[in-house]
C-alpha atoms as a PDB file:
ATOM      1  CA  MET A   1      -0.112  11.644   6.867  1.00  0.00           C
ATOM      2  CA  GLY A   2      -2.195  14.827   5.703  1.00  0.00           C
ATOM      3  CA  PHE A   3      -5.228  15.459   3.318  1.00  0.00           C
ATOM      4  CA  GLY A   4      -4.049  12.891   0.995  1.00  0.00           C
ATOM      5  CA  GLY A   5      -3.616  10.082   3.475  1.00  0.00           C
ATOM      6  CA  ALA A   6      -6.501  10.184   4.970  1.00  0.00           C
ATOM      7  CA  ALA A   7      -8.111  10.320   1.288  1.00  0.00           C
ATOM      8  CA  VAL A   8      -6.770   7.188   0.981  1.00  0.00           C
ATOM      9  CA  LEU A   9      -7.537   5.642   4.075  1.00  0.00           C
ATOM     10  CA  THR A  10     -11.782   6.490   3.584  1.00  0.00           C
ATOM     11  CA  MET A  11     -11.190   5.440  -0.050  1.00  0.00           C
ATOM     12  CA  LEU A  12      -9.554   1.744   0.959  1.00  0.00           C
ATOM     13  CA  ASP A  13     -11.801   1.605   4.027  1.00  0.00           C
ATOM     14  CA  GLU A  14     -13.736  -1.445   2.722  1.00  0.00           C
ATOM     15  CA  TYR A  15     -11.124  -3.384   1.349  1.00  0.00           C
ATOM     16  CA  PHE A  16      -8.977  -3.423   4.626  1.00  0.00           C
ATOM     17  CA  PHE A  17      -7.584  -7.186   5.770  1.00  0.00           C
ATOM     18  CA  SER A  18      -8.320  -8.522   2.601  1.00  0.00           C
ATOM     19  CA  GLY A  19      -5.277  -8.922   1.199  1.00  0.00           C
ATOM     20  CA  HIS A  20      -5.136  -6.173  -1.866  1.00  0.00           C
ATOM     21  CA  ARG A  21      -2.398  -4.232  -3.075  1.00  0.00           C
ATOM     22  CA  VAL A  22      -2.692  -0.693  -4.066  1.00  0.00           C
ATOM     23  CA  ILE A  23      -0.669   1.748  -6.273  1.00  0.00           C
ATOM     24  CA  ILE A  24      -0.267   5.120  -5.289  1.00  0.00           C
ATOM     25  CA  ASP A  25       1.578   8.563  -7.044  1.00  0.00           C
ATOM     26  CA  ASN A  26       3.451  10.450  -4.741  1.00  0.00           C
ATOM     27  CA  TRP A  27       0.608  13.094  -4.108  1.00  0.00           C
ATOM     28  CA  PHE A  28      -0.696  10.952  -1.453  1.00  0.00           C
ATOM     29  CA  MET A  29       2.281   8.587  -0.746  1.00  0.00           C
ATOM     30  CA  SER A  30       4.005   8.929   2.521  1.00  0.00           C
ATOM     31  CA  PRO A  31       6.318   6.380   4.637  1.00  0.00           C
ATOM     32  CA  THR A  32       3.541   6.837   7.503  1.00  0.00           C
ATOM     33  CA  LEU A  33       0.682   5.752   5.154  1.00  0.00           C
ATOM     34  CA  ALA A  34       2.158   3.113   3.918  1.00  0.00           C
ATOM     35  CA  LEU A  35       3.226   1.968   7.163  1.00  0.00           C
ATOM     36  CA  ASN A  36      -0.356   2.195   8.272  1.00  0.00           C
ATOM     37  CA  LEU A  37      -1.926   0.568   5.521  1.00  0.00           C
ATOM     38  CA  LEU A  38       0.677  -2.382   6.453  1.00  0.00           C
ATOM     39  CA  GLU A  39      -1.094  -2.841   9.727  1.00  0.00           C
ATOM     40  CA  LYS A  40      -4.146  -3.069   7.875  1.00  0.00           C
ATOM     41  CA  GLY A  41      -3.254  -6.084   5.548  1.00  0.00           C
ATOM     42  CA  THR A  42      -2.816  -3.739   2.580  1.00  0.00           C
ATOM     43  CA  PHE A  43       0.293  -3.632   0.752  1.00  0.00           C
ATOM     44  CA  VAL A  44       1.355  -0.629  -1.459  1.00  0.00           C
ATOM     45  CA  ILE A  45       3.860   0.552  -3.816  1.00  0.00           C
ATOM     46  CA  GLY A  46       4.078   4.160  -5.430  1.00  0.00           C
ATOM     47  CA  THR A  47       6.450   7.101  -5.773  1.00  0.00           C
ATOM     48  CA  VAL A  48       7.677   9.395  -2.776  1.00  0.00           C
ATOM     49  CA  LYS A  49       8.441  12.869  -2.198  1.00  0.00           C
ATOM     50  CA  LYS A  50      11.689  13.152  -0.767  1.00  0.00           C
ATOM     51  CA  ASN A  51      11.273  15.721   1.174  1.00  0.00           C
ATOM     52  CA  ARG A  52       8.283  14.102   2.786  1.00  0.00           C
ATOM     53  CA  LYS A  53       8.691  13.242   6.594  1.00  0.00           C
ATOM     54  CA  ARG A  54      10.197  10.008   7.600  1.00  0.00           C
ATOM     55  CA  MET A  55      11.934   9.752   4.292  1.00  0.00           C
ATOM     56  CA  PRO A  56      15.354   8.563   4.515  1.00  0.00           C
ATOM     57  CA  LYS A  57      18.312  11.181   3.730  1.00  0.00           C
ATOM     58  CA  PHE A  58      20.238   9.901   0.315  1.00  0.00           C
ATOM     59  CA  THR A  59      23.830  11.769   0.616  1.00  0.00           C
ATOM     60  CA  THR A  60      25.233   9.947  -2.047  1.00  0.00           C
ATOM     61  CA  LYS A  61      25.438  11.424  -5.638  1.00  0.00           C
ATOM     62  CA  LEU A  62      24.834   8.783  -8.014  1.00  0.00           C
ATOM     63  CA  ARG A  63      25.715   8.372 -11.512  1.00  0.00           C
ATOM     64  CA  LYS A  64      23.647   7.651 -14.139  1.00  0.00           C
ATOM     65  CA  GLY A  65      22.567   3.267 -13.883  1.00  0.00           C
ATOM     66  CA  GLN A  66      23.444   3.332 -10.399  1.00  0.00           C
ATOM     67  CA  LEU A  67      20.288   2.486  -7.759  1.00  0.00           C
ATOM     68  CA  GLU A  68      20.895   2.946  -3.641  1.00  0.00           C
ATOM     69  CA  VAL A  69      18.344   1.016  -1.122  1.00  0.00           C
ATOM     70  CA  CYS A  70      17.508   1.894   2.033  1.00  0.00           C
ATOM     71  CA  SER A  71      15.295  -0.078   4.423  1.00  0.00           C
ATOM     72  CA  ASN A  72      13.832  -0.502   7.939  1.00  0.00           C
ATOM     73  CA  GLY A  73      12.592  -4.364   7.816  1.00  0.00           C
ATOM     74  CA  ARG A  74       8.919  -3.209   7.038  1.00  0.00           C
ATOM     75  CA  LEU A  75       9.683  -0.385   4.064  1.00  0.00           C
ATOM     76  CA  LEU A  76      11.915  -0.349   1.221  1.00  0.00           C
ATOM     77  CA  VAL A  77      13.184   3.076  -0.250  1.00  0.00           C
ATOM     78  CA  GLU A  78      14.845   2.703  -3.578  1.00  0.00           C
ATOM     79  CA  ARG A  79      16.495   5.378  -5.380  1.00  0.00           C
END
């Protein structure tokens, strides 16, 4: 998760398991952090850099207006 993920976990420590929803930008967000927060009962939505570890590889070239989605059952990534 790195420094950004650790900072988010520290700031949210008192809010775990209360059903809160958190919005995180791409500086802090990663799939690992999202799964960690989900395990602690905190829902998350955010933007993420495509080169983060554990991100799915999108290879399709999209045209304007097209959308590509990938899910593993717990996380949903949309491009």
